[in-house]
Amino acid sequence: MDAAHDGPHADHLGEIDRDTQLWVQWDGDEYRFVRLAPCEAPAEDGDACTLFGGHEPGHSWEMRDLPHG
């Protein structure tokens, strides 16, 4: 099962520096490596979002309890 949304997907690979992360993004069979700024949105419980800035569909803390296939 692929992710629960249409369009491109991404996975965090590592930190380049404080303001830059390395991600792999894919859509079907097309993959690319990109440098992205981290999401700066704080959660109500103090956890930071673990996704990149400008991501969709929601912040990482909003997806904690979603079933994974």
C-alpha atoms as a PDB file:
ATOM      1  CA  MET A   1       0.000   0.000   0.000  1.00  0.00           C
ATOM      2  CA  ASP A   2       1.327   3.427  -0.921  1.00  0.00           C
ATOM      3  CA  ALA A   3       0.759   6.518   1.208  1.00  0.00           C
ATOM      4  CA  ALA A   4      -2.816   7.618   1.826  1.00  0.00           C
ATOM      5  CA  HIS A   5      -2.695  10.598  -0.538  1.00  0.00           C
ATOM      6  CA  ASP A   6      -2.336  11.253  -4.245  1.00  0.00           C
ATOM      7  CA  GLY A   7       0.691  12.932  -5.762  1.00  0.00           C
ATOM      8  CA  PRO A   8       4.351  12.894  -4.814  1.00  0.00           C
ATOM      9  CA  HIS A   9       5.751  11.245  -1.692  1.00  0.00           C
ATOM     10  CA  ALA A  10       8.907  11.987   0.318  1.00  0.00           C
ATOM     11  CA  ASP A  11      11.191  10.421   2.902  1.00  0.00           C
ATOM     12  CA  HIS A  12      13.738  12.183   5.120  1.00  0.00           C
ATOM     13  CA  LEU A  13      17.332  11.016   4.556  1.00  0.00           C
ATOM     14  CA  GLY A  14      19.338  13.273   6.869  1.00  0.00           C
ATOM     15  CA  GLU A  15      20.389  16.681   8.082  1.00  0.00           C
ATOM     16  CA  ILE A  16      22.720  18.865   6.018  1.00  0.00           C
ATOM     17  CA  ASP A  17      22.742  21.714   8.523  1.00  0.00           C
ATOM     18  CA  ARG A  18      20.305  23.350  10.942  1.00  0.00           C
ATOM     19  CA  ASP A  19      18.231  24.878   8.145  1.00  0.00           C
ATOM     20  CA  THR A  20      18.561  22.207   5.442  1.00  0.00           C
ATOM     21  CA  GLN A  21      17.501  18.567   5.237  1.00  0.00           C
ATOM     22  CA  LEU A  22      18.089  15.974   2.514  1.00  0.00           C
ATOM     23  CA  TRP A  23      14.950  14.252   1.229  1.00  0.00           C
ATOM     24  CA  VAL A  24      14.120  11.803  -1.536  1.00  0.00           C
ATOM     25  CA  GLN A  25      10.865  12.590  -3.348  1.00  0.00           C
ATOM     26  CA  TRP A  26       9.069  10.245  -5.725  1.00  0.00           C
ATOM     27  CA  ASP A  27       6.001  10.106  -7.878  1.00  0.00           C
ATOM     28  CA  GLY A  28       5.476   6.719  -9.474  1.00  0.00           C
ATOM     29  CA  ASP A  29       8.832   5.542 -10.836  1.00  0.00           C
ATOM     30  CA  GLU A  30      10.484   9.001 -10.837  1.00  0.00           C
ATOM     31  CA  TYR A  31      12.823   9.726  -7.893  1.00  0.00           C
ATOM     32  CA  ARG A  32      14.851  12.824  -7.053  1.00  0.00           C
ATOM     33  CA  PHE A  33      16.998  14.000  -4.165  1.00  0.00           C
ATOM     34  CA  VAL A  34      16.205  17.474  -2.841  1.00  0.00           C
ATOM     35  CA  ARG A  35      17.432  19.836  -0.140  1.00  0.00           C
ATOM     36  CA  LEU A  36      14.521  21.314   1.813  1.00  0.00           C
ATOM     37  CA  ALA A  37      14.036  23.488   4.882  1.00  0.00           C
ATOM     38  CA  PRO A  38      12.316  21.772   7.822  1.00  0.00           C
ATOM     39  CA  CYS A  39       8.714  22.570   8.694  1.00  0.00           C
ATOM     40  CA  GLU A  40       8.667  25.163  11.460  1.00  0.00           C
ATOM     41  CA  ALA A  41       5.154  24.499  12.772  1.00  0.00           C
ATOM     42  CA  PRO A  42       5.073  23.524  16.469  1.00  0.00           C
ATOM     43  CA  ALA A  43       2.513  21.038  17.743  1.00  0.00           C
ATOM     44  CA  GLU A  44       0.257  21.844  20.679  1.00  0.00           C
ATOM     45  CA  ASP A  45       2.134  19.263  22.793  1.00  0.00           C
ATOM     46  CA  GLY A  46       5.526  20.829  21.951  1.00  0.00           C
ATOM     47  CA  ASP A  47       6.670  18.327  19.314  1.00  0.00           C
ATOM     48  CA  ALA A  48       8.035  19.831  16.128  1.00  0.00           C
ATOM     49  CA  CYS A  49       6.728  18.655  12.773  1.00  0.00           C
ATOM     50  CA  THR A  50       9.186  16.161  11.266  1.00  0.00           C
ATOM     51  CA  LEU A  51       8.290  17.001   7.654  1.00  0.00           C
ATOM     52  CA  PHE A  52       9.703  19.651   5.317  1.00  0.00           C
ATOM     53  CA  GLY A  53       8.381  23.194   4.975  1.00  0.00           C
ATOM     54  CA  GLY A  54       5.411  23.560   2.624  1.00  0.00           C
ATOM     55  CA  HIS A  55       4.401  19.886   2.851  1.00  0.00           C
ATOM     56  CA  GLU A  56       0.909  18.435   2.463  1.00  0.00           C
ATOM     57  CA  PRO A  57      -1.507  17.004   3.670  1.00  0.00           C
ATOM     58  CA  GLY A  58      -0.899  17.715   7.405  1.00  0.00           C
ATOM     59  CA  HIS A  59       1.781  17.913  10.085  1.00  0.00           C
ATOM     60  CA  SER A  60       3.502  14.770  11.348  1.00  0.00           C
ATOM     61  CA  TRP A  61       1.782  14.907  14.757  1.00  0.00           C
ATOM     62  CA  GLU A  62      -1.613  14.867  12.994  1.00  0.00           C
ATOM     63  CA  MET A  63      -0.737  11.519  11.399  1.00  0.00           C
ATOM     64  CA  ARG A  64       0.526   9.650  14.493  1.00  0.00           C
ATOM     65  CA  ASP A  65      -2.539   7.469  14.901  1.00  0.00           C
ATOM     66  CA  LEU A  66      -3.172   6.690  11.227  1.00  0.00           C
ATOM     67  CA  PRO A  67      -3.073   2.979  10.350  1.00  0.00           C
ATOM     68  CA  HIS A  68      -0.074   1.976   8.240  1.00  0.00           C
ATOM     69  CA  GLY A  69      -0.465  -0.701   5.570  1.00  0.00           C
END
